[in-house]
Amino acid sequence: MVTTGDCRWLTENEVDTNPPLCSLAVTTLGWTYHYSNKAMDWAQARQFCQENYTDMVVIQSQRENDHLVSLLPNRISSPYYWIGITKNHKNETWRWIGNNSTWIGNQSWAEDEPNNNYSNEFCVEIYVNKGKNRGKWNDEKCSNPKYAVCYKSQCTESSCVRGTCHETVENTTCLCEPGFKGDRCQTAQCTESSCVRGTCHETIENTTCLCEPGFKGDRCQTAVQCPHPSDPLNGVYSCREGNQTFNSTCQLKCHLFVLVIGSSAITCGATGVWSGPRPTCTIYKQALMAVSGCGAVSAFCCICLCWMKHRKRKKLTQVRQPEEVTSPFSEVQG
């Protein structure tokens, strides 16, 4: 904790010529406390806080109450310090300005307080002295002059990227929106539902989905679509429930007395293209002619092959005959 050393009370002659400002704790981690060195009524004190800082101090716990008292300069007697709790009528509940909280500690009030002596004591001062009532509260007429105690918020619009800034003494915390994390809620957080059919990757302020093959979209929620296959001659494609998305199949149905050539099913691929060769529909007569033609070609090829083998065998026989004639003569000579 660092406290400023140049704060002092101004004399009556100095009050009008110097800005009546004084800071207490200097920190950038959470809100800071400040006070006036000129006494004023409660309404003026709040206006002073709003014009120079954020608002009049709002105490949210006994710990904060004690912390504030430890920072404020001691006062031997009244006037003490206005704090931001008030009410409009004697039968109303005491409420803190700004957050409308009704927090009051078990030992917040000084002895026999609040007593509403004048039936219009609707504002509260906090004692800062060395007596038994140090840090205790007392209800007072709002028109009485006291010193203002203010706070300055450190939360700004940029404090939390995707969250709400929550401020306490010497600390600020970002309460992140669903799906975000980090000190400033700056990192998008992957969840089970971030990517429908893909892998989630966390980036600053966003998440990125790397989609599985066959899927697309910001959350990989859309299957890749294939165009409807064009019907071939003498046939029609039938797709289940009209679906032509990734991994779906379409079946080719040929007309009566027409034969399917190739696999009758085609499958939509990951890139939006139908996989495999396209089947065709061929009339039986054409198919038989094609088969007969193939048979004739095969028979011709077979005859050619046999003829070539016969010629090769004949040549080999002619080459061996001279060897058989000379061979016995050589043996007799030997």
C-alpha atoms as a PDB file:
ATOM      1  CA  MET A   1       0.000   0.000   0.000  1.00  0.00           C
ATOM      2  CA  VAL A   2       1.384   3.398  -0.974  1.00  0.00           C
ATOM      3  CA  THR A   3      -0.135   6.528   0.557  1.00  0.00           C
ATOM      4  CA  THR A   4       0.417  10.031  -0.643  1.00  0.00           C
ATOM      5  CA  GLY A   5       2.474  12.324   1.546  1.00  0.00           C
ATOM      6  CA  ASP A   6       1.350  15.715   0.211  1.00  0.00           C
ATOM      7  CA  CYS A   7      -2.219  15.713   1.538  1.00  0.00           C
ATOM      8  CA  ARG A   8      -2.969  18.287   4.210  1.00  0.00           C
ATOM      9  CA  TRP A   9      -5.918  20.209   5.568  1.00  0.00           C
ATOM     10  CA  LEU A  10      -6.389  23.656   4.067  1.00  0.00           C
ATOM     11  CA  THR A  11      -6.930  26.789   6.085  1.00  0.00           C
ATOM     12  CA  GLU A  12     -10.094  28.829   5.587  1.00  0.00           C
ATOM     13  CA  ASN A  13      -8.169  31.247   3.328  1.00  0.00           C
ATOM     14  CA  GLU A  14      -6.812  28.393   1.200  1.00  0.00           C
ATOM     15  CA  VAL A  15     -10.100  26.559   0.689  1.00  0.00           C
ATOM     16  CA  ASP A  16     -11.379  28.868  -2.002  1.00  0.00           C
ATOM     17  CA  THR A  17      -8.085  29.100  -3.903  1.00  0.00           C
ATOM     18  CA  ASN A  18      -7.041  25.426  -3.955  1.00  0.00           C
ATOM     19  CA  PRO A  19      -8.827  22.352  -5.237  1.00  0.00           C
ATOM     20  CA  PRO A  20     -10.098  20.595  -2.082  1.00  0.00           C
ATOM     21  CA  LEU A  21      -8.823  17.150  -3.176  1.00  0.00           C
ATOM     22  CA  CYS A  22      -6.792  14.542  -1.368  1.00  0.00           C
ATOM     23  CA  SER A  23      -6.056  10.913  -2.254  1.00  0.00           C
ATOM     24  CA  LEU A  24      -5.474   8.022   0.102  1.00  0.00           C
ATOM     25  CA  ALA A  25      -4.392   4.693  -1.379  1.00  0.00           C
ATOM     26  CA  VAL A  26      -2.653   4.847  -4.722  1.00  0.00           C
ATOM     27  CA  THR A  27      -3.219   1.651  -6.703  1.00  0.00           C
ATOM     28  CA  THR A  28      -4.235   0.657 -10.190  1.00  0.00           C
ATOM     29  CA  LEU A  29      -5.487  -2.777  -9.155  1.00  0.00           C
ATOM     30  CA  GLY A  30      -8.812  -1.764  -7.635  1.00  0.00           C
ATOM     31  CA  TRP A  31     -10.750   1.309  -6.592  1.00  0.00           C
ATOM     32  CA  THR A  32      -8.967   4.122  -4.798  1.00  0.00           C
ATOM     33  CA  TYR A  33     -10.183   6.249  -1.872  1.00  0.00           C
ATOM     34  CA  HIS A  34     -10.170  10.034  -1.843  1.00  0.00           C
ATOM     35  CA  TYR A  35     -11.512  12.705   0.532  1.00  0.00           C
ATOM     36  CA  SER A  36     -12.222  16.403   0.540  1.00  0.00           C
ATOM     37  CA  ASN A  37     -10.477  18.846   2.827  1.00  0.00           C
ATOM     38  CA  LYS A  38     -13.495  21.095   2.860  1.00  0.00           C
ATOM     39  CA  ALA A  39     -16.638  20.287   4.905  1.00  0.00           C
ATOM     40  CA  MET A  40     -19.974  20.307   3.076  1.00  0.00           C
ATOM     41  CA  ASP A  41     -23.491  18.901   3.438  1.00  0.00           C
ATOM     42  CA  TRP A  42     -24.268  15.356   2.257  1.00  0.00           C
ATOM     43  CA  ALA A  43     -25.718  16.350  -1.132  1.00  0.00           C
ATOM     44  CA  GLN A  44     -22.749  18.629  -1.865  1.00  0.00           C
ATOM     45  CA  ALA A  45     -20.379  15.891  -0.733  1.00  0.00           C
ATOM     46  CA  ARG A  46     -21.877  13.408  -3.196  1.00  0.00           C
ATOM     47  CA  GLN A  47     -21.776  15.949  -6.008  1.00  0.00           C
ATOM     48  CA  PHE A  48     -18.113  16.597  -5.173  1.00  0.00           C
ATOM     49  CA  CYS A  49     -17.366  12.861  -5.434  1.00  0.00           C
ATOM     50  CA  GLN A  50     -19.233  12.437  -8.707  1.00  0.00           C
ATOM     51  CA  GLU A  51     -17.554  15.429 -10.322  1.00  0.00           C
ATOM     52  CA  ASN A  52     -14.004  14.531  -9.263  1.00  0.00           C
ATOM     53  CA  TYR A  53     -14.052  10.743  -8.858  1.00  0.00           C
ATOM     54  CA  THR A  54     -16.737   8.062  -9.290  1.00  0.00           C
ATOM     55  CA  ASP A  55     -19.116   8.482  -6.330  1.00  0.00           C
ATOM     56  CA  MET A  56     -19.334   8.693  -2.557  1.00  0.00           C
ATOM     57  CA  VAL A  57     -17.794   5.673  -0.873  1.00  0.00           C
ATOM     58  CA  VAL A  58     -19.930   2.525  -0.620  1.00  0.00           C
ATOM     59  CA  ILE A  59     -18.813   0.067   2.075  1.00  0.00           C
ATOM     60  CA  GLN A  60     -19.564  -3.588   1.406  1.00  0.00           C
ATOM     61  CA  SER A  61     -18.025  -5.412   4.350  1.00  0.00           C
ATOM     62  CA  GLN A  62     -16.598  -4.912   7.836  1.00  0.00           C
ATOM     63  CA  ARG A  63     -13.142  -5.587   6.425  1.00  0.00           C
ATOM     64  CA  GLU A  64     -13.521  -2.719   3.976  1.00  0.00           C
ATOM     65  CA  ASN A  65     -14.912  -0.488   6.733  1.00  0.00           C
ATOM     66  CA  ASP A  66     -11.845  -1.118   8.892  1.00  0.00           C
ATOM     67  CA  HIS A  67      -9.524  -0.686   5.904  1.00  0.00           C
ATOM     68  CA  LEU A  68     -11.041   2.703   5.056  1.00  0.00           C
ATOM     69  CA  VAL A  69     -10.777   3.937   8.654  1.00  0.00           C
ATOM     70  CA  SER A  70      -7.122   2.925   8.756  1.00  0.00           C
ATOM     71  CA  LEU A  71      -6.429   5.219   5.763  1.00  0.00           C
ATOM     72  CA  LEU A  72      -8.420   8.327   6.709  1.00  0.00           C
ATOM     73  CA  PRO A  73      -6.722  11.020   8.812  1.00  0.00           C
ATOM     74  CA  ASN A  74      -7.914  11.088  12.435  1.00  0.00           C
ATOM     75  CA  ARG A  75     -10.291  13.806  13.528  1.00  0.00           C
ATOM     76  CA  ILE A  76     -10.316  14.869  17.156  1.00  0.00           C
ATOM     77  CA  SER A  77     -13.974  15.899  16.975  1.00  0.00           C
ATOM     78  CA  SER A  78     -16.771  16.582  14.537  1.00  0.00           C
ATOM     79  CA  PRO A  79     -16.994  17.103  11.634  1.00  0.00           C
ATOM     80  CA  TYR A  80     -16.128  13.599  10.564  1.00  0.00           C
ATOM     81  CA  TYR A  81     -16.775  11.976   7.130  1.00  0.00           C
ATOM     82  CA  TRP A  82     -19.912  11.370   5.119  1.00  0.00           C
ATOM     83  CA  ILE A  83     -20.397   7.856   3.713  1.00  0.00           C
ATOM     84  CA  GLY A  84     -22.791   6.775   0.978  1.00  0.00           C
ATOM     85  CA  ILE A  85     -25.647   5.269   2.980  1.00  0.00           C
ATOM     86  CA  THR A  86     -28.907   7.136   3.390  1.00  0.00           C
ATOM     87  CA  LYS A  87     -32.709   6.979   3.438  1.00  0.00           C
ATOM     88  CA  ASN A  88     -35.571   9.334   2.641  1.00  0.00           C
ATOM     89  CA  HIS A  89     -37.921   8.599   5.538  1.00  0.00           C
ATOM     90  CA  LYS A  90     -37.573   7.436   9.120  1.00  0.00           C
ATOM     91  CA  ASN A  91     -39.504   4.222   8.406  1.00  0.00           C
ATOM     92  CA  GLU A  92     -37.388   3.313   5.384  1.00  0.00           C
ATOM     93  CA  THR A  93     -34.453   0.889   5.341  1.00  0.00           C
ATOM     94  CA  TRP A  94     -30.934   2.294   5.160  1.00  0.00           C
ATOM     95  CA  ARG A  95     -29.561   1.749   1.658  1.00  0.00           C
ATOM     96  CA  TRP A  96     -26.221   2.299  -0.022  1.00  0.00           C
ATOM     97  CA  ILE A  97     -26.141   4.555  -3.060  1.00  0.00           C
ATOM     98  CA  GLY A  98     -25.213   3.046  -6.404  1.00  0.00           C
ATOM     99  CA  ASN A  99     -25.791  -0.634  -5.683  1.00  0.00           C
ATOM    100  CA  ASN A 100     -28.891  -0.242  -3.454  1.00  0.00           C
ATOM    101  CA  SER A 101     -27.343  -2.667  -0.953  1.00  0.00           C
ATOM    102  CA  THR A 102     -28.702  -2.826   2.589  1.00  0.00           C
ATOM    103  CA  TRP A 103     -25.515  -4.232   4.169  1.00  0.00           C
ATOM    104  CA  ILE A 104     -24.937  -3.133   7.763  1.00  0.00           C
ATOM    105  CA  GLY A 105     -22.434  -4.926  10.001  1.00  0.00           C
ATOM    106  CA  ASN A 106     -23.355  -6.277  13.411  1.00  0.00           C
ATOM    107  CA  GLN A 107     -21.196  -3.629  15.074  1.00  0.00           C
ATOM    108  CA  SER A 108     -21.371  -0.850  12.494  1.00  0.00           C
ATOM    109  CA  TRP A 109     -23.394   1.617  14.550  1.00  0.00           C
ATOM    110  CA  ALA A 110     -21.958   3.480  17.490  1.00  0.00           C
ATOM    111  CA  GLU A 111     -23.582   2.928  20.880  1.00  0.00           C
ATOM    112  CA  ASP A 112     -27.242   4.062  20.985  1.00  0.00           C
ATOM    113  CA  GLU A 113     -27.175   4.762  17.236  1.00  0.00           C
ATOM    114  CA  PRO A 114     -29.028   5.321  15.011  1.00  0.00           C
ATOM    115  CA  ASN A 115     -31.205   7.436  17.315  1.00  0.00           C
ATOM    116  CA  ASN A 116     -32.748   9.929  14.864  1.00  0.00           C
ATOM    117  CA  ASN A 117     -32.618  12.635  17.497  1.00  0.00           C
ATOM    118  CA  TYR A 118     -34.158  15.310  15.308  1.00  0.00           C
ATOM    119  CA  SER A 119     -36.519  12.997  13.391  1.00  0.00           C
ATOM    120  CA  ASN A 120     -34.708  13.889  10.166  1.00  0.00           C
ATOM    121  CA  GLU A 121     -31.291  12.284  10.570  1.00  0.00           C
ATOM    122  CA  PHE A 122     -31.277  10.439   7.254  1.00  0.00           C
ATOM    123  CA  CYS A 123     -27.552  10.564   6.419  1.00  0.00           C
ATOM    124  CA  VAL A 124     -24.602   8.780   8.046  1.00  0.00           C
ATOM    125  CA  GLU A 125     -21.131   9.868   9.139  1.00  0.00           C
ATOM    126  CA  ILE A 126     -18.271   7.570  10.101  1.00  0.00           C
ATOM    127  CA  TYR A 127     -16.172   8.352  13.175  1.00  0.00           C
ATOM    128  CA  VAL A 128     -12.436   8.459  12.615  1.00  0.00           C
ATOM    129  CA  ASN A 129     -10.869   9.163  15.983  1.00  0.00           C
ATOM    130  CA  LYS A 130      -8.893   7.379  18.658  1.00  0.00           C
ATOM    131  CA  GLY A 131     -11.844   6.691  20.924  1.00  0.00           C
ATOM    132  CA  LYS A 132     -14.042   3.606  21.356  1.00  0.00           C
ATOM    133  CA  ASN A 133     -16.277   4.719  18.503  1.00  0.00           C
ATOM    134  CA  ARG A 134     -13.495   4.683  15.921  1.00  0.00           C
ATOM    135  CA  GLY A 135     -14.931   3.303  12.696  1.00  0.00           C
ATOM    136  CA  LYS A 136     -18.501   3.397  13.989  1.00  0.00           C
ATOM    137  CA  TRP A 137     -21.436   5.072  12.277  1.00  0.00           C
ATOM    138  CA  ASN A 138     -23.763   7.835  13.427  1.00  0.00           C
ATOM    139  CA  ASP A 139     -26.952   9.087  11.807  1.00  0.00           C
ATOM    140  CA  GLU A 140     -26.891  12.829  11.171  1.00  0.00           C
ATOM    141  CA  LYS A 141     -28.914  15.614   9.582  1.00  0.00           C
ATOM    142  CA  CYS A 142     -27.965  15.686   5.905  1.00  0.00           C
ATOM    143  CA  SER A 143     -27.553  19.479   6.019  1.00  0.00           C
ATOM    144  CA  ASN A 144     -24.693  19.348   8.531  1.00  0.00           C
ATOM    145  CA  PRO A 145     -21.196  19.968   7.105  1.00  0.00           C
ATOM    146  CA  LYS A 146     -18.858  16.933   6.941  1.00  0.00           C
ATOM    147  CA  TYR A 147     -15.936  15.879   4.810  1.00  0.00           C
ATOM    148  CA  ALA A 148     -16.652  13.792   1.722  1.00  0.00           C
ATOM    149  CA  VAL A 149     -15.118  10.327   1.308  1.00  0.00           C
ATOM    150  CA  CYS A 150     -15.097   9.222  -2.342  1.00  0.00           C
ATOM    151  CA  TYR A 151     -13.918   6.288  -4.387  1.00  0.00           C
ATOM    152  CA  LYS A 152     -12.615   6.100  -7.934  1.00  0.00           C
ATOM    153  CA  SER A 153     -13.393   3.016  -9.952  1.00  0.00           C
ATOM    154  CA  GLN A 154     -10.629   1.331 -11.939  1.00  0.00           C
ATOM    155  CA  CYS A 155     -13.078  -0.640 -14.070  1.00  0.00           C
ATOM    156  CA  THR A 156     -13.447   0.757 -17.584  1.00  0.00           C
ATOM    157  CA  GLU A 157     -15.152  -0.370 -20.775  1.00  0.00           C
ATOM    158  CA  SER A 158     -11.907  -2.037 -21.862  1.00  0.00           C
ATOM    159  CA  SER A 159     -11.175  -3.787 -18.548  1.00  0.00           C
ATOM    160  CA  CYS A 160     -12.919  -6.973 -19.631  1.00  0.00           C
ATOM    161  CA  VAL A 161     -13.055  -7.922 -23.311  1.00  0.00           C
ATOM    162  CA  ARG A 162     -16.006 -10.320 -23.009  1.00  0.00           C
ATOM    163  CA  GLY A 163     -17.149 -10.037 -19.403  1.00  0.00           C
ATOM    164  CA  THR A 164     -18.245  -7.783 -16.552  1.00  0.00           C
ATOM    165  CA  CYS A 165     -15.688  -5.970 -14.420  1.00  0.00           C
ATOM    166  CA  HIS A 166     -16.164  -6.603 -10.702  1.00  0.00           C
ATOM    167  CA  GLU A 167     -14.219  -4.318  -8.434  1.00  0.00           C
ATOM    168  CA  THR A 168     -13.128  -4.679  -4.804  1.00  0.00           C
ATOM    169  CA  VAL A 169     -10.504  -3.015  -2.639  1.00  0.00           C
ATOM    170  CA  GLU A 170      -7.136  -3.250  -4.411  1.00  0.00           C
ATOM    171  CA  ASN A 171      -8.431  -5.729  -6.970  1.00  0.00           C
ATOM    172  CA  THR A 172     -10.507  -5.993 -10.128  1.00  0.00           C
ATOM    173  CA  THR A 173     -11.965  -9.245 -11.435  1.00  0.00           C
ATOM    174  CA  CYS A 174     -13.565 -10.002 -14.773  1.00  0.00           C
ATOM    175  CA  LEU A 175     -16.652 -12.205 -14.629  1.00  0.00           C
ATOM    176  CA  CYS A 176     -16.518 -13.779 -18.072  1.00  0.00           C
ATOM    177  CA  GLU A 177     -19.407 -14.433 -20.419  1.00  0.00           C
ATOM    178  CA  PRO A 178     -20.104 -18.111 -21.165  1.00  0.00           C
ATOM    179  CA  GLY A 179     -17.487 -19.449 -23.551  1.00  0.00           C
ATOM    180  CA  PHE A 180     -14.703 -17.031 -22.556  1.00  0.00           C
ATOM    181  CA  LYS A 181     -11.824 -17.161 -20.086  1.00  0.00           C
ATOM    182  CA  GLY A 182      -8.638 -15.324 -19.127  1.00  0.00           C
ATOM    183  CA  ASP A 183      -7.798 -12.434 -16.792  1.00  0.00           C
ATOM    184  CA  ARG A 184      -9.667 -10.070 -19.099  1.00  0.00           C
ATOM    185  CA  CYS A 185     -12.050 -12.636 -20.612  1.00  0.00           C
ATOM    186  CA  GLN A 186     -10.012 -12.188 -23.772  1.00  0.00           C
ATOM    187  CA  THR A 187      -9.761 -15.833 -24.794  1.00  0.00           C
ATOM    188  CA  ALA A 188     -12.639 -17.740 -26.306  1.00  0.00           C
ATOM    189  CA  GLN A 189     -13.115 -21.075 -24.552  1.00  0.00           C
ATOM    190  CA  CYS A 190     -13.840 -24.278 -26.406  1.00  0.00           C
ATOM    191  CA  THR A 191     -16.774 -26.319 -25.154  1.00  0.00           C
ATOM    192  CA  GLU A 192     -18.293 -29.618 -26.196  1.00  0.00           C
ATOM    193  CA  SER A 193     -20.786 -27.784 -28.386  1.00  0.00           C
ATOM    194  CA  SER A 194     -18.291 -25.370 -29.990  1.00  0.00           C
ATOM    195  CA  CYS A 195     -17.771 -27.553 -33.062  1.00  0.00           C
ATOM    196  CA  VAL A 196     -20.435 -30.022 -34.204  1.00  0.00           C
ATOM    197  CA  ARG A 197     -18.207 -32.065 -36.514  1.00  0.00           C
ATOM    198  CA  GLY A 198     -14.701 -30.684 -36.024  1.00  0.00           C
ATOM    199  CA  THR A 199     -11.878 -29.815 -33.626  1.00  0.00           C
ATOM    200  CA  CYS A 200     -12.056 -26.571 -31.645  1.00  0.00           C
ATOM    201  CA  HIS A 201      -9.022 -24.268 -31.341  1.00  0.00           C
ATOM    202  CA  GLU A 202      -8.948 -21.322 -28.922  1.00  0.00           C
ATOM    203  CA  THR A 203      -7.876 -17.899 -30.181  1.00  0.00           C
ATOM    204  CA  ILE A 204      -8.117 -14.347 -28.866  1.00  0.00           C
ATOM    205  CA  GLU A 205     -11.776 -13.322 -28.670  1.00  0.00           C
ATOM    206  CA  ASN A 206     -12.871 -16.276 -30.796  1.00  0.00           C
ATOM    207  CA  THR A 207     -12.751 -20.021 -31.380  1.00  0.00           C
ATOM    208  CA  THR A 208     -11.928 -21.689 -34.680  1.00  0.00           C
ATOM    209  CA  CYS A 209     -13.279 -25.034 -35.828  1.00  0.00           C
ATOM    210  CA  LEU A 210     -11.194 -27.305 -38.034  1.00  0.00           C
ATOM    211  CA  CYS A 211     -13.843 -29.368 -39.755  1.00  0.00           C
ATOM    212  CA  GLU A 212     -13.810 -33.093 -40.431  1.00  0.00           C
ATOM    213  CA  PRO A 213     -13.757 -34.078 -44.118  1.00  0.00           C
ATOM    214  CA  GLY A 214     -17.188 -33.574 -45.617  1.00  0.00           C
ATOM    215  CA  PHE A 215     -18.330 -30.788 -43.255  1.00  0.00           C
ATOM    216  CA  LYS A 216     -18.191 -26.987 -43.347  1.00  0.00           C
ATOM    217  CA  GLY A 217     -19.507 -23.881 -41.549  1.00  0.00           C
ATOM    218  CA  ASP A 218     -18.342 -21.803 -38.569  1.00  0.00           C
ATOM    219  CA  ARG A 219     -19.154 -24.714 -36.251  1.00  0.00           C
ATOM    220  CA  CYS A 220     -18.716 -27.496 -38.833  1.00  0.00           C
ATOM    221  CA  GLN A 221     -22.456 -27.945 -38.613  1.00  0.00           C
ATOM    222  CA  THR A 222     -23.221 -28.332 -42.328  1.00  0.00           C
ATOM    223  CA  ALA A 223     -22.506 -31.414 -44.419  1.00  0.00           C
ATOM    224  CA  VAL A 224     -20.943 -30.828 -47.840  1.00  0.00           C
ATOM    225  CA  GLN A 225     -23.571 -30.963 -50.598  1.00  0.00           C
ATOM    226  CA  CYS A 226     -23.182 -32.703 -53.952  1.00  0.00           C
ATOM    227  CA  PRO A 227     -25.159 -31.548 -56.995  1.00  0.00           C
ATOM    228  CA  HIS A 228     -27.993 -33.809 -58.085  1.00  0.00           C
ATOM    229  CA  PRO A 229     -26.502 -36.362 -60.509  1.00  0.00           C
ATOM    230  CA  SER A 230     -27.674 -35.965 -64.081  1.00  0.00           C
ATOM    231  CA  ASP A 231     -29.779 -38.906 -65.236  1.00  0.00           C
ATOM    232  CA  PRO A 232     -28.178 -40.998 -67.985  1.00  0.00           C
ATOM    233  CA  LEU A 233     -30.001 -42.194 -71.109  1.00  0.00           C
ATOM    234  CA  ASN A 234     -32.559 -44.891 -70.269  1.00  0.00           C
ATOM    235  CA  GLY A 235     -32.169 -44.469 -66.503  1.00  0.00           C
ATOM    236  CA  VAL A 236     -33.001 -42.352 -63.417  1.00  0.00           C
ATOM    237  CA  TYR A 237     -31.030 -41.689 -60.204  1.00  0.00           C
ATOM    238  CA  SER A 238     -32.889 -42.167 -56.955  1.00  0.00           C
ATOM    239  CA  CYS A 239     -31.457 -40.486 -53.813  1.00  0.00           C
ATOM    240  CA  ARG A 240     -32.738 -41.484 -50.395  1.00  0.00           C
ATOM    241  CA  GLU A 241     -35.092 -38.777 -49.059  1.00  0.00           C
ATOM    242  CA  GLY A 242     -33.705 -36.407 -51.668  1.00  0.00           C
ATOM    243  CA  ASN A 243     -30.463 -36.193 -49.692  1.00  0.00           C
ATOM    244  CA  GLN A 244     -27.262 -35.485 -51.626  1.00  0.00           C
ATOM    245  CA  THR A 245     -24.926 -34.612 -48.740  1.00  0.00           C
ATOM    246  CA  PHE A 246     -21.545 -36.061 -47.834  1.00  0.00           C
ATOM    247  CA  ASN A 247     -21.466 -39.874 -47.611  1.00  0.00           C
ATOM    248  CA  SER A 248     -24.986 -40.253 -48.956  1.00  0.00           C
ATOM    249  CA  THR A 249     -25.631 -42.536 -51.938  1.00  0.00           C
ATOM    250  CA  CYS A 250     -27.800 -42.372 -55.023  1.00  0.00           C
ATOM    251  CA  GLN A 251     -28.963 -45.515 -56.852  1.00  0.00           C
ATOM    252  CA  LEU A 252     -29.270 -45.725 -60.639  1.00  0.00           C
ATOM    253  CA  LYS A 253     -32.472 -47.435 -61.791  1.00  0.00           C
ATOM    254  CA  CYS A 254     -32.587 -48.375 -65.476  1.00  0.00           C
ATOM    255  CA  HIS A 255     -35.771 -48.613 -67.497  1.00  0.00           C
ATOM    256  CA  LEU A 256     -37.421 -51.938 -68.303  1.00  0.00           C
ATOM    257  CA  PHE A 257     -35.350 -54.244 -70.535  1.00  0.00           C
ATOM    258  CA  VAL A 258     -32.303 -52.037 -69.969  1.00  0.00           C
ATOM    259  CA  LEU A 259     -29.136 -53.347 -68.356  1.00  0.00           C
ATOM    260  CA  VAL A 260     -26.997 -51.467 -65.760  1.00  0.00           C
ATOM    261  CA  ILE A 261     -23.344 -51.381 -66.764  1.00  0.00           C
ATOM    262  CA  GLY A 262     -21.072 -50.792 -63.728  1.00  0.00           C
ATOM    263  CA  SER A 263     -21.946 -50.285 -60.065  1.00  0.00           C
ATOM    264  CA  SER A 264     -25.463 -48.917 -59.721  1.00  0.00           C
ATOM    265  CA  ALA A 265     -24.620 -46.748 -56.644  1.00  0.00           C
ATOM    266  CA  ILE A 266     -22.576 -43.532 -56.433  1.00  0.00           C
ATOM    267  CA  THR A 267     -21.457 -41.812 -53.196  1.00  0.00           C
ATOM    268  CA  CYS A 268     -21.166 -38.094 -52.400  1.00  0.00           C
ATOM    269  CA  GLY A 269     -17.510 -37.338 -51.584  1.00  0.00           C
ATOM    270  CA  ALA A 270     -15.974 -34.962 -49.022  1.00  0.00           C
ATOM    271  CA  THR A 271     -15.278 -32.316 -51.668  1.00  0.00           C
ATOM    272  CA  GLY A 272     -18.825 -32.283 -53.045  1.00  0.00           C
ATOM    273  CA  VAL A 273     -18.056 -34.539 -56.018  1.00  0.00           C
ATOM    274  CA  TRP A 274     -19.678 -37.914 -56.709  1.00  0.00           C
ATOM    275  CA  SER A 275     -17.121 -40.694 -56.312  1.00  0.00           C
ATOM    276  CA  GLY A 276     -16.332 -43.509 -58.733  1.00  0.00           C
ATOM    277  CA  PRO A 277     -17.135 -43.990 -62.452  1.00  0.00           C
ATOM    278  CA  ARG A 278     -20.718 -43.287 -63.444  1.00  0.00           C
ATOM    279  CA  PRO A 279     -22.808 -46.347 -64.329  1.00  0.00           C
ATOM    280  CA  THR A 280     -24.757 -46.408 -67.594  1.00  0.00           C
ATOM    281  CA  CYS A 281     -27.955 -48.005 -68.808  1.00  0.00           C
ATOM    282  CA  THR A 282     -27.592 -50.138 -71.983  1.00  0.00           C
ATOM    283  CA  ILE A 283     -30.363 -51.904 -73.936  1.00  0.00           C
ATOM    284  CA  TYR A 284     -29.991 -55.723 -73.861  1.00  0.00           C
ATOM    285  CA  LYS A 285     -29.602 -56.014 -77.669  1.00  0.00           C
ATOM    286  CA  GLN A 286     -26.752 -53.509 -77.619  1.00  0.00           C
ATOM    287  CA  ALA A 287     -25.201 -55.304 -74.696  1.00  0.00           C
ATOM    288  CA  LEU A 288     -25.392 -58.670 -76.515  1.00  0.00           C
ATOM    289  CA  MET A 289     -23.872 -57.154 -79.628  1.00  0.00           C
ATOM    290  CA  ALA A 290     -21.104 -55.721 -77.544  1.00  0.00           C
ATOM    291  CA  VAL A 291     -20.526 -59.117 -75.927  1.00  0.00           C
ATOM    292  CA  SER A 292     -20.598 -60.843 -79.342  1.00  0.00           C
ATOM    293  CA  GLY A 293     -18.187 -58.297 -80.706  1.00  0.00           C
ATOM    294  CA  CYS A 294     -15.889 -58.867 -77.784  1.00  0.00           C
ATOM    295  CA  GLY A 295     -16.185 -62.653 -78.388  1.00  0.00           C
ATOM    296  CA  ALA A 296     -15.241 -62.321 -82.045  1.00  0.00           C
ATOM    297  CA  VAL A 297     -12.291 -60.140 -81.194  1.00  0.00           C
ATOM    298  CA  SER A 298     -11.217 -62.626 -78.564  1.00  0.00           C
ATOM    299  CA  ALA A 299     -11.473 -65.545 -81.023  1.00  0.00           C
ATOM    300  CA  PHE A 300      -9.445 -63.639 -83.623  1.00  0.00           C
ATOM    301  CA  CYS A 301      -6.786 -62.831 -81.034  1.00  0.00           C
ATOM    302  CA  CYS A 302      -6.674 -66.504 -80.033  1.00  0.00           C
ATOM    303  CA  ILE A 303      -6.196 -67.661 -83.677  1.00  0.00           C
ATOM    304  CA  CYS A 304      -3.419 -65.118 -84.171  1.00  0.00           C
ATOM    305  CA  LEU A 305      -1.659 -66.259 -81.038  1.00  0.00           C
ATOM    306  CA  CYS A 306      -1.880 -69.937 -82.025  1.00  0.00           C
ATOM    307  CA  TRP A 307      -0.556 -69.207 -85.543  1.00  0.00           C
ATOM    308  CA  MET A 308       2.395 -67.285 -84.117  1.00  0.00           C
ATOM    309  CA  LYS A 309       3.262 -70.156 -81.789  1.00  0.00           C
ATOM    310  CA  HIS A 310       3.033 -72.661 -84.689  1.00  0.00           C
ATOM    311  CA  ARG A 311       5.446 -70.633 -86.831  1.00  0.00           C
ATOM    312  CA  LYS A 312       7.909 -70.315 -83.976  1.00  0.00           C
ATOM    313  CA  ARG A 313       7.889 -74.087 -83.378  1.00  0.00           C
ATOM    314  CA  LYS A 314       8.447 -74.793 -87.098  1.00  0.00           C
ATOM    315  CA  LYS A 315      11.490 -72.527 -87.201  1.00  0.00           C
ATOM    316  CA  LEU A 316      13.033 -74.279 -84.215  1.00  0.00           C
ATOM    317  CA  THR A 317      12.628 -77.694 -85.967  1.00  0.00           C
ATOM    318  CA  GLN A 318      14.398 -76.492 -89.111  1.00  0.00           C
ATOM    319  CA  VAL A 319      17.372 -75.206 -87.099  1.00  0.00           C
ATOM    320  CA  ARG A 320      17.878 -78.551 -85.284  1.00  0.00           C
ATOM    321  CA  GLN A 321      17.935 -80.833 -88.421  1.00  0.00           C
ATOM    322  CA  PRO A 322      21.571 -80.027 -89.578  1.00  0.00           C
ATOM    323  CA  GLU A 323      22.870 -80.735 -86.105  1.00  0.00           C
ATOM    324  CA  GLU A 324      21.277 -84.214 -86.105  1.00  0.00           C
ATOM    325  CA  VAL A 325      22.969 -85.100 -89.511  1.00  0.00           C
ATOM    326  CA  THR A 326      26.564 -84.149 -88.533  1.00  0.00           C
ATOM    327  CA  SER A 327      26.477 -85.516 -85.049  1.00  0.00           C
ATOM    328  CA  PRO A 328      26.862 -89.332 -85.863  1.00  0.00           C
ATOM    329  CA  PHE A 329      29.659 -88.704 -88.370  1.00  0.00           C
ATOM    330  CA  SER A 330      31.612 -86.853 -85.745  1.00  0.00           C
ATOM    331  CA  GLU A 331      31.283 -89.744 -83.355  1.00  0.00           C
ATOM    332  CA  VAL A 332      32.645 -92.273 -85.997  1.00  0.00           C
ATOM    333  CA  GLN A 333      35.571 -89.985 -86.792  1.00  0.00           C
ATOM    334  CA  GLY A 334      36.455 -89.929 -83.149  1.00  0.00           C
END
